[in-house]
Amino acid sequence: MDAYQHYAEQLAELQAQNNYRRFKAIEREDSGYIKLSPQAPGAMLDLSSNDYLGLSFDKALLEEFKATYGLPMHALGSASSRLLTGQFEEHAQLEGLLAESFARAALVFNSGYHANIGILPALTDEQSLIISDELIHASIIDGIRLSKAQRRRFKHQDLAQLEQLLLEAEADPKLNKVFVVLESVYSMDGDVADLQAVVALKQKYPKVMLYVDEAHGIGVYGERGLGVAEAQGVLPQIDFLVGAFGKAIASVGGYLICAPVIREYLINKMRPLIFSTNLPPVNAAWTYFAFKKMLGMQQERAHLQGLSRDLRQAILAKGLDCHSQSHIVPIIYGANQLAIEKAATMQGAGFYALPIRYPTVPQGQARVRLSLHAALDWQQLEPLLAYC
């Protein structure tokens, strides 16, 4: 038997189910347009990336960064983990900016995925319980699986069920810590968590600590762009605030905002942090630069919120299935093939929108996910409605 036959059969099954995936190399054009190849007939409006503030294609910003920063010889690689020789001034400056902005300790990781697979396993044990929203990101699910904690899930955004689980946990003498884990903005549905209500629950139950992933909220929500927790006025009440630089900040890496003792504990206990080569200093420097700019981008945030609202209302007016509350606007078609066909139609009309299928979303909920950014305007978006 061919040693690889099993894998070939699995791939064939994915193709038959319209679930087969492949990489597509793109070329980024100015003003938020992309091409799939140099030979492609025309550029398409990018409605699929997470570049929510449009920073990744802002040439003026890039030139300003280059003029401000320069490139010292060490900048292109850290060549070591942070605990050996991989910690540079650029990394310390970035964590200092985060700590100043959030008024708490900050710790930077190689990615949001690294953060989510490492924090919970380091902080939990057999006497811990993790209660998570059923639609948390795959990286958090993997982190929970790697932990020794007991685990429960509650239905998406169902705070009544969450409270029932908290009541049971509070009464269990074998549990000493309860971690409630959720996202602020859910990347496949575009809905936003009621963090104020979750904080109110936390305050009723002494064992509870809150873990909130702001990957899709950072840069977009709050007066200074610090996320949904800032916008809802609950930043100090979130014990573990995780975020990512690869979306609105147009960089790479992840971070945690936490108590100083947690930061020091993770430096000593978190395996993905201890055993990974650190981010290149040039990435830390660009993240510092872009994050600092982001803090003052109130006008861009307001424009994005208004644009997102207008698109959601127009989609609903067409009788389409859309439950978004944010700049992530999925149109749910149900069947894989229909979502694929709709995405192809949009691409043919010059809009780079992609189908999202199982296992990223539940079976029967295939969709085309529209991801908006602040450099767009309504004149660019309105023609899309004819192809939905």
Foldseek 3Di string as FASTA:
>chain_A
DPPCVVVVVVQVVCVVQLNHDDDFDWAADALQWIGSDPPGPDTFREFDAQQAAPPQRPVVLVVVLCVPPPDDPQQPFQPAAPVPRSDDPLLVLLQVVVCVVLVAGKDWFQALLLVLLFQQQQPDADQEEEEEEPQDDPSNVNNVVNHHYHYHYDYHLPVVVVLVVLVVSLPDPSHQAYEYEYEQARQPAQAGHPVVVVLVSCVVGVRYAYAYEFASFALQDALQRRGPCRNNVNSVRHAWYKYFCVGNLVAGIIMIGHHPVSVVSCCVGGVSNRPDGGDRSVRSSSSSSSSVVSRNPNVLSVQLQVLQVVVQVLCVVVVFDGDHNHQKTKTWDFRSVVQQVLQVQLVVVRHNWHWDAPPSPDHRGIIIIGHHHSSDDVVSVVVSSVSD
